[in-house]
Structures are given as C-alpha cells and as structure tokens.
C-alpha cells in the first residue's frame, strides 16, 4: 500500500486540502467535536491505516474546518505496544502531508515527573527523548520522503511554541514547557525508572508522539506538541494509577486543550 493510494481513498470522500493536521491522543477525542467536518472516515476504510485497539481512540479521520481553517484531525492514534511497527504508527502523518498539511499539532496524555507540576496541567513540548527502542525511519530509503538523516535540533517549532504561550496567556491557561520521554510501555514505570527518566532530563513520560514527530520533520512539517499530565510520577510519593483515573483527568482538562489548539490554529501564519 502506498501513500498515494491512501490519498486517493480520501479524495473519493472529500477534496478538502488541510493546512493543519491534528493528532488526538488518549482521552482527547472530544476535541474533534469542534471540527466542522466535511468528511468522517473510519480508519478501517483507509488503506494502510491501522485500527486502534486502545480505549478512547475512536479511529476516525475528520476533514473539515477548525477556527476557519481547513484541517484534518485524527481521532485516535496507534502505538508500538499494540504490536505495530513504527513506520505503520507514523504512516498517517505521511498521508496527511500528502493531502496538503504543512503543520502538525500532536497531543497526548502523560505522567508528570516535574515535582512542581500537577495533574491536569497542560505541557508544551519543547523537546523529546526517544526510548521506544526503534525509529520510524529505519529501513530502506529512496529519498522521496525527505532527508535520510533529518535534523531534530528544533523538532518542536520555536515560533509555534511562542504562539502557544501567547494564546495561553490571553486565555488564562497555565502552560508548562518541558521535555517528553517516549517509552515502549504498556506498563507504567517503576520508581527506579522514574528516577532515571527524571535524571535524564525528562519532565513528562508517555508511550506515543515521537514517531509522528520524527516523520513530520522528515517531511518538512512544522510541529507543535501538547500534553495533559494525567498522573504524578514522583518516586518518593508514588501512588497507583489506573486507566479510569487517567481518562477522567484527561477529559476534565480537555476544554483547556481545545481552547488552546483553536486559538493557535486561528492565528497560524
């Protein structure tokens, strides 16, 4: 299956060319309700797309407008721990770029390792550490998708980050900024592992996002990353976490995320 074939499958449903692509992670699918959808396509009807197996990932691609701009929104993503190779996890980003998107907004939920941050806080991703044990660019390369060795010195666009801070300030939203660590999962980490990740420079930890960002940067897309802290991962005060609690925190904080994303999209250059 090729990107071009998947694009053609989308084009049978809509001719809309998105300027912005948005990936909605665990517990964040309701942001899609703000999209005035022209087409809603289940992933199962898109050649090459995997089907999410995780609770709260609806598995639909929405094409329409948000804050007056044409967008494509992925309502759910795929993960390495579901058994998918990282080139398959990140395949939708290549499709979204081919459809016209030049900006990618990725969202996720994460465990907070910064001792001064709290559950429910929004975090702007400034950098990441890839501990997935793999890379979506591994394997044969024909040069058609971008540089073989893409530079990630500014993986998360500085101008987009500045805009996000401006919008958050205007809306009265507390917006942290830090480094995201991607781990394979699906188990949550031990106390010793949290200590290690924090010592490495991580502020939040999760199981997604980095593969999409790597591919987006290879394709030349600008990237904005946002995370909701859903549980505190402080080794000396660690409490058991559950999926139910994580989803509840994500849903409670989602209105702030939705307002921030809409504000950023409305003011993109």
C-alpha atoms as a PDB file:
ATOM      1  CA  UNK A   1       0.000   0.000   0.000  1.00  0.00           C
ATOM      2  CA  UNK A   2       1.333   3.451  -0.933  1.00  0.00           C
ATOM      3  CA  UNK A   3       0.639   6.914   0.428  1.00  0.00           C
ATOM      4  CA  UNK A   4      -0.758   7.882  -2.959  1.00  0.00           C
ATOM      5  CA  UNK A   5      -3.335   5.073  -2.803  1.00  0.00           C
ATOM      6  CA  UNK A   6      -4.474   6.174   0.655  1.00  0.00           C
ATOM      7  CA  UNK A   7      -4.733   9.772  -0.525  1.00  0.00           C
ATOM      8  CA  UNK A   8      -6.917   8.649  -3.402  1.00  0.00           C
ATOM      9  CA  UNK A   9      -9.202   6.833  -0.956  1.00  0.00           C
ATOM     10  CA  UNK A  10      -9.599  10.092   0.989  1.00  0.00           C
ATOM     11  CA  UNK A  11     -10.208  12.067  -2.201  1.00  0.00           C
ATOM     12  CA  UNK A  12     -13.203   9.883  -3.040  1.00  0.00           C
ATOM     13  CA  UNK A  13     -14.852  11.369   0.076  1.00  0.00           C
ATOM     14  CA  UNK A  14     -13.695  14.989   0.000  1.00  0.00           C
ATOM     15  CA  UNK A  15     -11.493  17.359  -1.999  1.00  0.00           C
ATOM     16  CA  UNK A  16     -10.640  19.445   1.063  1.00  0.00           C
ATOM     17  CA  UNK A  17      -6.915  20.150   1.375  1.00  0.00           C
ATOM     18  CA  UNK A  18      -5.993  20.565   5.053  1.00  0.00           C
ATOM     19  CA  UNK A  19      -3.478  23.194   6.089  1.00  0.00           C
ATOM     20  CA  UNK A  20      -3.153  21.745   9.583  1.00  0.00           C
ATOM     21  CA  UNK A  21      -3.121  18.136  10.782  1.00  0.00           C
ATOM     22  CA  UNK A  22      -4.067  17.331  14.382  1.00  0.00           C
ATOM     23  CA  UNK A  23      -3.443  14.047  16.201  1.00  0.00           C
ATOM     24  CA  UNK A  24      -5.714  13.485  19.203  1.00  0.00           C
ATOM     25  CA  UNK A  25      -4.415  11.063  21.805  1.00  0.00           C
ATOM     26  CA  UNK A  26      -5.845   9.097  24.724  1.00  0.00           C
ATOM     27  CA  UNK A  27      -8.933  10.701  26.212  1.00  0.00           C
ATOM     28  CA  UNK A  28      -8.714  13.695  23.875  1.00  0.00           C
ATOM     29  CA  UNK A  29     -11.054  12.636  21.098  1.00  0.00           C
ATOM     30  CA  UNK A  30     -13.769  15.113  22.077  1.00  0.00           C
ATOM     31  CA  UNK A  31     -11.713  17.974  20.626  1.00  0.00           C
ATOM     32  CA  UNK A  32     -12.860  16.578  17.300  1.00  0.00           C
ATOM     33  CA  UNK A  33     -16.345  17.886  18.110  1.00  0.00           C
ATOM     34  CA  UNK A  34     -15.033  21.397  17.460  1.00  0.00           C
ATOM     35  CA  UNK A  35     -14.167  20.435  13.872  1.00  0.00           C
ATOM     36  CA  UNK A  36     -16.873  21.278  11.353  1.00  0.00           C
ATOM     37  CA  UNK A  37     -16.459  18.039   9.479  1.00  0.00           C
ATOM     38  CA  UNK A  38     -16.974  17.731   5.740  1.00  0.00           C
ATOM     39  CA  UNK A  39     -15.996  14.060   5.817  1.00  0.00           C
ATOM     40  CA  UNK A  40     -15.607  11.481   8.601  1.00  0.00           C
ATOM     41  CA  UNK A  41     -13.712   8.370   7.536  1.00  0.00           C
ATOM     42  CA  UNK A  42     -13.182   5.315   9.776  1.00  0.00           C
ATOM     43  CA  UNK A  43      -9.566   4.156   9.707  1.00  0.00           C
ATOM     44  CA  UNK A  44     -10.757   0.731   8.616  1.00  0.00           C
ATOM     45  CA  UNK A  45     -11.793   2.327   5.304  1.00  0.00           C
ATOM     46  CA  UNK A  46      -8.378   3.893   4.691  1.00  0.00           C
ATOM     47  CA  UNK A  47      -5.817   1.593   3.035  1.00  0.00           C
ATOM     48  CA  UNK A  48      -2.630   1.381   5.084  1.00  0.00           C
ATOM     49  CA  UNK A  49      -4.145   2.756   8.287  1.00  0.00           C
ATOM     50  CA  UNK A  50      -4.069   0.508  11.326  1.00  0.00           C
ATOM     51  CA  UNK A  51      -7.069   0.210  13.640  1.00  0.00           C
ATOM     52  CA  UNK A  52      -6.625   1.425  17.239  1.00  0.00           C
ATOM     53  CA  UNK A  53      -7.210  -1.153  19.941  1.00  0.00           C
ATOM     54  CA  UNK A  54      -6.980   1.263  22.872  1.00  0.00           C
ATOM     55  CA  UNK A  55      -9.939   2.551  24.878  1.00  0.00           C
ATOM     56  CA  UNK A  56     -10.930   6.146  23.953  1.00  0.00           C
ATOM     57  CA  UNK A  57      -9.298   6.028  20.485  1.00  0.00           C
ATOM     58  CA  UNK A  58     -12.278   6.242  18.119  1.00  0.00           C
ATOM     59  CA  UNK A  59     -10.274   5.500  14.974  1.00  0.00           C
ATOM     60  CA  UNK A  60     -11.683   8.138  12.610  1.00  0.00           C
ATOM     61  CA  UNK A  61     -10.182  10.747  10.306  1.00  0.00           C
ATOM     62  CA  UNK A  62     -12.089  14.020  10.188  1.00  0.00           C
ATOM     63  CA  UNK A  63     -11.627  16.558   7.409  1.00  0.00           C
ATOM     64  CA  UNK A  64     -13.245  19.944   7.749  1.00  0.00           C
ATOM     65  CA  UNK A  65     -12.596  23.334   9.299  1.00  0.00           C
ATOM     66  CA  UNK A  66     -11.466  24.491  12.722  1.00  0.00           C
ATOM     67  CA  UNK A  67     -11.307  28.178  13.628  1.00  0.00           C
ATOM     68  CA  UNK A  68     -11.983  28.904   9.963  1.00  0.00           C
ATOM     69  CA  UNK A  69      -9.044  26.883   8.620  1.00  0.00           C
ATOM     70  CA  UNK A  70      -9.092  23.586   6.723  1.00  0.00           C
ATOM     71  CA  UNK A  71      -7.835  20.795   8.965  1.00  0.00           C
ATOM     72  CA  UNK A  72      -7.523  17.044   9.188  1.00  0.00           C
ATOM     73  CA  UNK A  73      -7.950  15.555  12.667  1.00  0.00           C
ATOM     74  CA  UNK A  74      -7.028  12.025  13.659  1.00  0.00           C
ATOM     75  CA  UNK A  75      -9.403  10.885  16.372  1.00  0.00           C
ATOM     76  CA  UNK A  76      -7.076   8.309  17.882  1.00  0.00           C
ATOM     77  CA  UNK A  77      -3.590   7.040  17.063  1.00  0.00           C
ATOM     78  CA  UNK A  78      -1.586   3.802  17.038  1.00  0.00           C
ATOM     79  CA  UNK A  79       1.140   2.651  19.420  1.00  0.00           C
ATOM     80  CA  UNK A  80       4.143   0.374  19.382  1.00  0.00           C
ATOM     81  CA  UNK A  81       2.719  -1.578  22.326  1.00  0.00           C
ATOM     82  CA  UNK A  82      -0.282  -2.538  20.193  1.00  0.00           C
ATOM     83  CA  UNK A  83       2.121  -4.528  18.057  1.00  0.00           C
ATOM     84  CA  UNK A  84       2.505  -2.026  15.208  1.00  0.00           C
ATOM     85  CA  UNK A  85       5.891  -1.200  13.697  1.00  0.00           C
ATOM     86  CA  UNK A  86       6.809   2.469  13.991  1.00  0.00           C
ATOM     87  CA  UNK A  87       6.646   3.053  10.239  1.00  0.00           C
ATOM     88  CA  UNK A  88       2.995   1.943  10.445  1.00  0.00           C
ATOM     89  CA  UNK A  89       2.374   4.048  13.542  1.00  0.00           C
ATOM     90  CA  UNK A  90       3.616   7.141  11.699  1.00  0.00           C
ATOM     91  CA  UNK A  91       2.157   6.301   8.272  1.00  0.00           C
ATOM     92  CA  UNK A  92      -0.863   8.624   8.714  1.00  0.00           C
ATOM     93  CA  UNK A  93       1.488  11.608   9.033  1.00  0.00           C
ATOM     94  CA  UNK A  94       2.818  10.925   5.536  1.00  0.00           C
ATOM     95  CA  UNK A  95      -0.751  10.753   4.261  1.00  0.00           C
ATOM     96  CA  UNK A  96      -1.711  13.998   5.994  1.00  0.00           C
ATOM     97  CA  UNK A  97       1.318  15.736   4.491  1.00  0.00           C
ATOM     98  CA  UNK A  98       0.429  14.412   1.041  1.00  0.00           C
ATOM     99  CA  UNK A  99      -3.111  15.761   1.498  1.00  0.00           C
ATOM    100  CA  UNK A 100      -1.660  19.240   1.976  1.00  0.00           C
ATOM    101  CA  UNK A 101      -0.951  19.703   5.693  1.00  0.00           C
ATOM    102  CA  UNK A 102       2.246  21.604   6.461  1.00  0.00           C
ATOM    103  CA  UNK A 103       1.699  21.994  10.209  1.00  0.00           C
ATOM    104  CA  UNK A 104       1.215  19.097  12.619  1.00  0.00           C
ATOM    105  CA  UNK A 105      -0.273  19.509  16.094  1.00  0.00           C
ATOM    106  CA  UNK A 106       0.225  16.388  18.215  1.00  0.00           C
ATOM    107  CA  UNK A 107      -1.446  15.850  21.578  1.00  0.00           C
ATOM    108  CA  UNK A 108      -1.147  13.175  24.215  1.00  0.00           C
ATOM    109  CA  UNK A 109      -1.546  12.426  27.889  1.00  0.00           C
ATOM    110  CA  UNK A 110       1.469  11.823  30.071  1.00  0.00           C
ATOM    111  CA  UNK A 111       2.799  11.100  33.504  1.00  0.00           C
ATOM    112  CA  UNK A 112       4.253  14.128  35.219  1.00  0.00           C
ATOM    113  CA  UNK A 113       7.764  13.807  36.657  1.00  0.00           C
ATOM    114  CA  UNK A 114       8.359  17.504  37.375  1.00  0.00           C
ATOM    115  CA  UNK A 115       7.832  17.976  41.136  1.00  0.00           C
ATOM    116  CA  UNK A 116       6.238  21.433  40.764  1.00  0.00           C
ATOM    117  CA  UNK A 117       3.638  20.458  38.152  1.00  0.00           C
ATOM    118  CA  UNK A 118       0.231  18.973  38.849  1.00  0.00           C
ATOM    119  CA  UNK A 119      -2.251  16.565  37.290  1.00  0.00           C
ATOM    120  CA  UNK A 120      -4.426  18.396  34.789  1.00  0.00           C
ATOM    121  CA  UNK A 121      -1.670  20.809  33.760  1.00  0.00           C
ATOM    122  CA  UNK A 122      -1.033  21.393  30.054  1.00  0.00           C
ATOM    123  CA  UNK A 123       2.554  20.951  28.903  1.00  0.00           C
ATOM    124  CA  UNK A 124       4.052  22.418  25.735  1.00  0.00           C
ATOM    125  CA  UNK A 125       6.650  20.016  24.351  1.00  0.00           C
ATOM    126  CA  UNK A 126       9.999  21.698  23.800  1.00  0.00           C
ATOM    127  CA  UNK A 127      11.987  18.536  23.139  1.00  0.00           C
ATOM    128  CA  UNK A 128      11.824  14.774  23.435  1.00  0.00           C
ATOM    129  CA  UNK A 129      13.862  11.687  24.299  1.00  0.00           C
ATOM    130  CA  UNK A 130      13.160   8.574  22.224  1.00  0.00           C
ATOM    131  CA  UNK A 131      13.347   5.425  24.371  1.00  0.00           C
ATOM    132  CA  UNK A 132      10.996   3.377  22.203  1.00  0.00           C
ATOM    133  CA  UNK A 133      13.908   1.223  21.113  1.00  0.00           C
ATOM    134  CA  UNK A 134      13.184   1.855  17.432  1.00  0.00           C
ATOM    135  CA  UNK A 135      12.804   4.598  14.830  1.00  0.00           C
ATOM    136  CA  UNK A 136      10.159   5.001  12.097  1.00  0.00           C
ATOM    137  CA  UNK A 137      12.860   5.879   9.551  1.00  0.00           C
ATOM    138  CA  UNK A 138      14.684   2.561   9.949  1.00  0.00           C
ATOM    139  CA  UNK A 139      14.918   0.511   6.757  1.00  0.00           C
ATOM    140  CA  UNK A 140      15.279   1.135   3.020  1.00  0.00           C
ATOM    141  CA  UNK A 141      15.021   4.739   1.894  1.00  0.00           C
ATOM    142  CA  UNK A 142      14.570   6.027  -1.652  1.00  0.00           C
ATOM    143  CA  UNK A 143      14.912   9.703  -0.748  1.00  0.00           C
ATOM    144  CA  UNK A 144      11.389  10.568  -1.851  1.00  0.00           C
ATOM    145  CA  UNK A 145      10.087  11.480   1.607  1.00  0.00           C
ATOM    146  CA  UNK A 146      12.782  13.888   2.701  1.00  0.00           C
ATOM    147  CA  UNK A 147      16.320  13.736   4.053  1.00  0.00           C
ATOM    148  CA  UNK A 148      17.661  10.364   5.139  1.00  0.00           C
ATOM    149  CA  UNK A 149      19.058  11.964   8.292  1.00  0.00           C
ATOM    150  CA  UNK A 150      16.578  14.698   9.287  1.00  0.00           C
ATOM    151  CA  UNK A 151      17.793  17.290  11.756  1.00  0.00           C
ATOM    152  CA  UNK A 152      15.843  17.387  15.027  1.00  0.00           C
ATOM    153  CA  UNK A 153      17.652  20.262  16.720  1.00  0.00           C
ATOM    154  CA  UNK A 154      14.343  22.154  16.638  1.00  0.00           C
ATOM    155  CA  UNK A 155      11.870  19.289  16.416  1.00  0.00           C
ATOM    156  CA  UNK A 156       9.134  21.417  18.020  1.00  0.00           C
ATOM    157  CA  UNK A 157       8.847  24.690  16.113  1.00  0.00           C
ATOM    158  CA  UNK A 158      10.006  27.681  18.209  1.00  0.00           C
ATOM    159  CA  UNK A 159       7.578  30.116  16.561  1.00  0.00           C
ATOM    160  CA  UNK A 160       4.622  27.800  17.175  1.00  0.00           C
ATOM    161  CA  UNK A 161       5.675  27.382  20.787  1.00  0.00           C
ATOM    162  CA  UNK A 162       5.829  31.160  21.215  1.00  0.00           C
ATOM    163  CA  UNK A 163       2.359  31.473  19.683  1.00  0.00           C
ATOM    164  CA  UNK A 164       1.009  28.789  22.045  1.00  0.00           C
ATOM    165  CA  UNK A 165       2.391  30.682  25.035  1.00  0.00           C
ATOM    166  CA  UNK A 166       0.759  33.902  23.793  1.00  0.00           C
ATOM    167  CA  UNK A 167      -2.626  32.243  23.323  1.00  0.00           C
ATOM    168  CA  UNK A 168      -2.409  30.514  26.703  1.00  0.00           C
ATOM    169  CA  UNK A 169      -1.595  33.803  28.429  1.00  0.00           C
ATOM    170  CA  UNK A 170      -4.517  35.557  26.759  1.00  0.00           C
ATOM    171  CA  UNK A 171      -6.892  32.760  27.728  1.00  0.00           C
ATOM    172  CA  UNK A 172      -5.638  32.476  31.298  1.00  0.00           C
ATOM    173  CA  UNK A 173      -4.400  28.904  30.779  1.00  0.00           C
ATOM    174  CA  UNK A 174      -1.380  27.676  32.705  1.00  0.00           C
ATOM    175  CA  UNK A 175       1.012  26.219  30.140  1.00  0.00           C
ATOM    176  CA  UNK A 176       4.139  24.423  31.278  1.00  0.00           C
ATOM    177  CA  UNK A 177       7.017  23.694  28.901  1.00  0.00           C
ATOM    178  CA  UNK A 178       9.328  20.709  29.043  1.00  0.00           C
ATOM    179  CA  UNK A 179      10.799  17.516  27.642  1.00  0.00           C
ATOM    180  CA  UNK A 180       8.718  14.459  26.767  1.00  0.00           C
ATOM    181  CA  UNK A 181      10.158  10.960  27.137  1.00  0.00           C
ATOM    182  CA  UNK A 182       8.662   8.252  24.923  1.00  0.00           C
ATOM    183  CA  UNK A 183       8.821   4.716  26.300  1.00  0.00           C
ATOM    184  CA  UNK A 184       7.512   1.484  24.803  1.00  0.00           C
ATOM    185  CA  UNK A 185       5.013   0.527  27.527  1.00  0.00           C
ATOM    186  CA  UNK A 186       2.361  -0.664  28.012  1.00  0.00           C
ATOM    187  CA  UNK A 187       3.176  -0.982  31.704  1.00  0.00           C
ATOM    188  CA  UNK A 188       3.699   2.140  33.755  1.00  0.00           C
ATOM    189  CA  UNK A 189       7.165   2.682  35.132  1.00  0.00           C
ATOM    190  CA  UNK A 190       8.772   1.636  38.391  1.00  0.00           C
ATOM    191  CA  UNK A 191      10.033   4.111  40.972  1.00  0.00           C
ATOM    192  CA  UNK A 192      13.607   3.491  39.853  1.00  0.00           C
ATOM    193  CA  UNK A 193      12.681   4.079  36.229  1.00  0.00           C
ATOM    194  CA  UNK A 194      11.020   7.396  37.051  1.00  0.00           C
ATOM    195  CA  UNK A 195      14.171   8.473  38.873  1.00  0.00           C
ATOM    196  CA  UNK A 196      16.243   7.538  35.833  1.00  0.00           C
ATOM    197  CA  UNK A 197      13.974   9.340  33.356  1.00  0.00           C
ATOM    198  CA  UNK A 198      13.917  12.461  35.505  1.00  0.00           C
ATOM    199  CA  UNK A 199      17.704  12.399  35.845  1.00  0.00           C
ATOM    200  CA  UNK A 200      17.956  12.149  32.046  1.00  0.00           C
ATOM    201  CA  UNK A 201      16.087  15.432  31.713  1.00  0.00           C
ATOM    202  CA  UNK A 202      12.519  14.254  31.247  1.00  0.00           C
ATOM    203  CA  UNK A 203       9.577  16.258  32.574  1.00  0.00           C
ATOM    204  CA  UNK A 204       6.736  14.055  31.326  1.00  0.00           C
ATOM    205  CA  UNK A 205       6.606  10.466  30.090  1.00  0.00           C
ATOM    206  CA  UNK A 206       4.298   8.684  27.662  1.00  0.00           C
ATOM    207  CA  UNK A 207       4.094   5.979  25.005  1.00  0.00           C
ATOM    208  CA  UNK A 208       3.449   7.857  21.769  1.00  0.00           C
ATOM    209  CA  UNK A 209       4.024  11.013  19.724  1.00  0.00           C
ATOM    210  CA  UNK A 210       7.749  10.768  18.966  1.00  0.00           C
ATOM    211  CA  UNK A 211       7.357   8.549  15.845  1.00  0.00           C
ATOM    212  CA  UNK A 212       4.877  11.017  14.327  1.00  0.00           C
ATOM    213  CA  UNK A 213       7.150  13.954  15.112  1.00  0.00           C
ATOM    214  CA  UNK A 214      10.192  12.301  13.531  1.00  0.00           C
ATOM    215  CA  UNK A 215       8.300  11.580  10.319  1.00  0.00           C
ATOM    216  CA  UNK A 216       6.714  15.035  10.258  1.00  0.00           C
ATOM    217  CA  UNK A 217      10.132  16.659  10.497  1.00  0.00           C
ATOM    218  CA  UNK A 218      11.470  14.439   7.717  1.00  0.00           C
ATOM    219  CA  UNK A 219       8.539  15.602   5.592  1.00  0.00           C
ATOM    220  CA  UNK A 220       9.367  19.228   6.417  1.00  0.00           C
ATOM    221  CA  UNK A 221       6.297  19.891   8.557  1.00  0.00           C
ATOM    222  CA  UNK A 222       6.230  22.350  11.459  1.00  0.00           C
ATOM    223  CA  UNK A 223       5.318  20.617  14.709  1.00  0.00           C
ATOM    224  CA  UNK A 224       3.545  21.757  17.863  1.00  0.00           C
ATOM    225  CA  UNK A 225       3.296  19.248  20.712  1.00  0.00           C
ATOM    226  CA  UNK A 226       0.904  19.452  23.669  1.00  0.00           C
ATOM    227  CA  UNK A 227       0.385  17.087  26.579  1.00  0.00           C
ATOM    228  CA  UNK A 228      -2.006  16.788  29.520  1.00  0.00           C
ATOM    229  CA  UNK A 229      -0.466  15.482  32.738  1.00  0.00           C
ATOM    230  CA  UNK A 230      -2.900  12.841  33.974  1.00  0.00           C
ATOM    231  CA  UNK A 231      -0.958  11.303  36.864  1.00  0.00           C
ATOM    232  CA  UNK A 232       2.001  12.240  39.039  1.00  0.00           C
ATOM    233  CA  UNK A 233       5.105  10.088  38.736  1.00  0.00           C
ATOM    234  CA  UNK A 234       7.109  11.223  41.740  1.00  0.00           C
ATOM    235  CA  UNK A 235       9.113   8.228  43.007  1.00  0.00           C
ATOM    236  CA  UNK A 236       9.026   9.194  46.691  1.00  0.00           C
ATOM    237  CA  UNK A 237       5.277   9.834  46.660  1.00  0.00           C
ATOM    238  CA  UNK A 238       4.113   7.396  44.003  1.00  0.00           C
ATOM    239  CA  UNK A 239       0.508   6.241  44.090  1.00  0.00           C
ATOM    240  CA  UNK A 240      -1.077   3.512  41.953  1.00  0.00           C
ATOM    241  CA  UNK A 241      -2.542   4.788  38.671  1.00  0.00           C
ATOM    242  CA  UNK A 242      -5.484   3.407  36.715  1.00  0.00           C
ATOM    243  CA  UNK A 243      -6.796   3.910  33.211  1.00  0.00           C
ATOM    244  CA  UNK A 244     -10.063   5.205  34.647  1.00  0.00           C
ATOM    245  CA  UNK A 245      -8.344   7.936  36.628  1.00  0.00           C
ATOM    246  CA  UNK A 246      -6.120   8.867  33.683  1.00  0.00           C
ATOM    247  CA  UNK A 247      -9.102   9.237  31.345  1.00  0.00           C
ATOM    248  CA  UNK A 248     -11.051  11.250  33.909  1.00  0.00           C
ATOM    249  CA  UNK A 249      -8.225  13.769  34.335  1.00  0.00           C
ATOM    250  CA  UNK A 250      -7.738  13.997  30.560  1.00  0.00           C
ATOM    251  CA  UNK A 251     -11.418  14.700  29.955  1.00  0.00           C
ATOM    252  CA  UNK A 252     -11.549  17.332  32.675  1.00  0.00           C
ATOM    253  CA  UNK A 253      -8.549  19.153  31.191  1.00  0.00           C
ATOM    254  CA  UNK A 254      -9.582  18.753  27.568  1.00  0.00           C
ATOM    255  CA  UNK A 255     -11.598  22.006  27.343  1.00  0.00           C
ATOM    256  CA  UNK A 256      -8.371  23.924  28.056  1.00  0.00           C
ATOM    257  CA  UNK A 257      -6.539  21.953  25.381  1.00  0.00           C
ATOM    258  CA  UNK A 258      -9.351  22.501  22.877  1.00  0.00           C
ATOM    259  CA  UNK A 259      -9.384  26.251  23.523  1.00  0.00           C
ATOM    260  CA  UNK A 260      -5.612  26.464  23.181  1.00  0.00           C
ATOM    261  CA  UNK A 261      -5.500  24.474  19.933  1.00  0.00           C
ATOM    262  CA  UNK A 262      -8.325  26.511  18.411  1.00  0.00           C
ATOM    263  CA  UNK A 263      -6.613  29.743  19.399  1.00  0.00           C
ATOM    264  CA  UNK A 264      -3.343  28.626  17.839  1.00  0.00           C
ATOM    265  CA  UNK A 265      -4.991  27.373  14.629  1.00  0.00           C
ATOM    266  CA  UNK A 266      -6.879  30.657  14.226  1.00  0.00           C
ATOM    267  CA  UNK A 267      -3.636  32.657  14.321  1.00  0.00           C
ATOM    268  CA  UNK A 268      -1.293  30.482  12.297  1.00  0.00           C
ATOM    269  CA  UNK A 269       0.673  32.276   9.597  1.00  0.00           C
END
